[in-house]
Amino acid sequence: MVRTIEAVVEQVQPAIVLTHFGSDLNIDHRIVSQAVLTAVHSIEDQVINQIMFFEVSSSTEWQVSTEGRGSIPNWLEDISLTL
């Protein structure tokens, strides 16, 4: 999975990468988050300026509260015009 993500990042060369919140209850989401972080960390000459994590409704809010692992959003995007 990491190699696939590396290939996409190298091809697209994004300035911003969005991935799942690393403490999401869904294990698939956690694995994707870890794979993305591993992939972008290992790419030389990368142009990534920012990595942002997002929550998935009905998944993150069910996570058992663990000290320091809860999501504390610091960016909210108004998508009301999209919906």
C-alpha atoms as a PDB file:
ATOM      1  CA  MET A   1       0.000   0.000   0.000  1.00  0.00           C
ATOM      2  CA  VAL A   2       2.847   2.388   0.830  1.00  0.00           C
ATOM      3  CA  ARG A   3       4.471   1.898  -2.580  1.00  0.00           C
ATOM      4  CA  THR A   4       1.162   2.594  -4.318  1.00  0.00           C
ATOM      5  CA  ILE A   5       0.699   5.812  -2.357  1.00  0.00           C
ATOM      6  CA  GLU A   6       4.304   6.839  -3.061  1.00  0.00           C
ATOM      7  CA  ALA A   7       3.722   6.352  -6.792  1.00  0.00           C
ATOM      8  CA  VAL A   8       0.570   8.490  -6.748  1.00  0.00           C
ATOM      9  CA  VAL A   9       2.254  11.244  -4.733  1.00  0.00           C
ATOM     10  CA  GLU A  10       5.240  11.265  -7.088  1.00  0.00           C
ATOM     11  CA  GLN A  11       2.921  11.446 -10.104  1.00  0.00           C
ATOM     12  CA  VAL A  12       0.480  14.057  -8.759  1.00  0.00           C
ATOM     13  CA  GLN A  13       2.957  16.004  -6.580  1.00  0.00           C
ATOM     14  CA  PRO A  14       0.310  17.483  -4.298  1.00  0.00           C
ATOM     15  CA  ALA A  15       1.033  20.454  -2.059  1.00  0.00           C
ATOM     16  CA  ILE A  16      -1.566  19.225   0.459  1.00  0.00           C
ATOM     17  CA  VAL A  17      -2.308  15.618   1.419  1.00  0.00           C
ATOM     18  CA  LEU A  18      -5.514  14.597   3.204  1.00  0.00           C
ATOM     19  CA  THR A  19      -5.825  11.292   5.024  1.00  0.00           C
ATOM     20  CA  HIS A  20      -7.831   9.626   7.770  1.00  0.00           C
ATOM     21  CA  PHE A  21      -7.416  10.557  11.430  1.00  0.00           C
ATOM     22  CA  GLY A  22      -4.836   8.140  12.849  1.00  0.00           C
ATOM     23  CA  SER A  23      -6.900   7.106  15.890  1.00  0.00           C
ATOM     24  CA  ASP A  24     -10.096   6.385  13.968  1.00  0.00           C
ATOM     25  CA  LEU A  25     -12.033   3.408  15.329  1.00  0.00           C
ATOM     26  CA  ASN A  26     -12.013   1.747  11.902  1.00  0.00           C
ATOM     27  CA  ILE A  27      -8.773  -0.223  11.599  1.00  0.00           C
ATOM     28  CA  ASP A  28      -8.720   0.198   7.801  1.00  0.00           C
ATOM     29  CA  HIS A  29      -8.737   3.980   8.277  1.00  0.00           C
ATOM     30  CA  ARG A  30      -5.859   3.762  10.765  1.00  0.00           C
ATOM     31  CA  ILE A  31      -3.838   1.600   8.366  1.00  0.00           C
ATOM     32  CA  VAL A  32      -4.426   4.023   5.490  1.00  0.00           C
ATOM     33  CA  SER A  33      -3.361   6.942   7.689  1.00  0.00           C
ATOM     34  CA  GLN A  34      -0.144   5.159   8.699  1.00  0.00           C
ATOM     35  CA  ALA A  35       0.568   4.152   5.097  1.00  0.00           C
ATOM     36  CA  VAL A  36       0.112   7.727   3.876  1.00  0.00           C
ATOM     37  CA  LEU A  37       2.422   9.104   6.564  1.00  0.00           C
ATOM     38  CA  THR A  38       5.029   6.458   5.779  1.00  0.00           C
ATOM     39  CA  ALA A  39       4.772   7.107   2.048  1.00  0.00           C
ATOM     40  CA  VAL A  40       5.048  10.887   2.172  1.00  0.00           C
ATOM     41  CA  HIS A  41       7.854  10.730   4.711  1.00  0.00           C
ATOM     42  CA  SER A  42      10.025   8.593   2.460  1.00  0.00           C
ATOM     43  CA  ILE A  43       9.686  10.608  -0.770  1.00  0.00           C
ATOM     44  CA  GLU A  44      12.734  12.709  -1.558  1.00  0.00           C
ATOM     45  CA  ASP A  45      12.323  16.171  -3.086  1.00  0.00           C
ATOM     46  CA  GLN A  46       8.653  16.195  -2.168  1.00  0.00           C
ATOM     47  CA  VAL A  47       6.544  19.286  -2.640  1.00  0.00           C
ATOM     48  CA  ILE A  48       4.066  18.507   0.153  1.00  0.00           C
ATOM     49  CA  ASN A  49       3.537  21.576   2.328  1.00  0.00           C
ATOM     50  CA  GLN A  50       0.757  20.260   4.544  1.00  0.00           C
ATOM     51  CA  ILE A  51      -0.760  16.981   5.719  1.00  0.00           C
ATOM     52  CA  MET A  52      -4.321  17.214   7.023  1.00  0.00           C
ATOM     53  CA  PHE A  53      -6.310  14.504   8.801  1.00  0.00           C
ATOM     54  CA  PHE A  54     -10.075  14.137   8.568  1.00  0.00           C
ATOM     55  CA  GLU A  55     -12.683  12.409  10.673  1.00  0.00           C
ATOM     56  CA  VAL A  56     -15.257   9.994   9.339  1.00  0.00           C
ATOM     57  CA  SER A  57     -18.695  10.374  10.910  1.00  0.00           C
ATOM     58  CA  SER A  58     -19.940   7.282  12.737  1.00  0.00           C
ATOM     59  CA  SER A  59     -16.386   6.055  13.131  1.00  0.00           C
ATOM     60  CA  THR A  60     -14.248   8.558  14.997  1.00  0.00           C
ATOM     61  CA  GLU A  61     -16.878   9.595  17.530  1.00  0.00           C
ATOM     62  CA  TRP A  62     -17.218   5.975  18.705  1.00  0.00           C
ATOM     63  CA  GLN A  63     -13.519   5.744  19.587  1.00  0.00           C
ATOM     64  CA  VAL A  64     -12.932   5.101  23.274  1.00  0.00           C
ATOM     65  CA  SER A  65     -11.406   8.200  24.784  1.00  0.00           C
ATOM     66  CA  THR A  66      -7.689   7.671  25.301  1.00  0.00           C
ATOM     67  CA  GLU A  67      -5.518  10.419  26.744  1.00  0.00           C
ATOM     68  CA  GLY A  68      -3.957  12.417  23.930  1.00  0.00           C
ATOM     69  CA  ARG A  69      -5.446  10.301  21.139  1.00  0.00           C
ATOM     70  CA  GLY A  70      -8.759  12.033  20.621  1.00  0.00           C
ATOM     71  CA  SER A  71      -9.382  14.245  17.646  1.00  0.00           C
ATOM     72  CA  ILE A  72      -9.230  17.971  18.323  1.00  0.00           C
ATOM     73  CA  PRO A  73     -10.149  19.665  15.028  1.00  0.00           C
ATOM     74  CA  ASN A  74      -8.325  22.881  14.229  1.00  0.00           C
ATOM     75  CA  TRP A  75      -9.726  23.364  10.727  1.00  0.00           C
ATOM     76  CA  LEU A  76     -13.395  23.390   9.795  1.00  0.00           C
ATOM     77  CA  GLU A  77     -14.542  23.746   6.211  1.00  0.00           C
ATOM     78  CA  ASP A  78     -18.045  24.933   5.388  1.00  0.00           C
ATOM     79  CA  ILE A  79     -19.427  22.518   2.775  1.00  0.00           C
ATOM     80  CA  SER A  80     -23.042  23.604   3.050  1.00  0.00           C
ATOM     81  CA  LEU A  81     -23.017  24.998  -0.497  1.00  0.00           C
ATOM     82  CA  THR A  82     -21.748  21.638  -1.781  1.00  0.00           C
ATOM     83  CA  LEU A  83     -24.439  19.621  -0.050  1.00  0.00           C
END
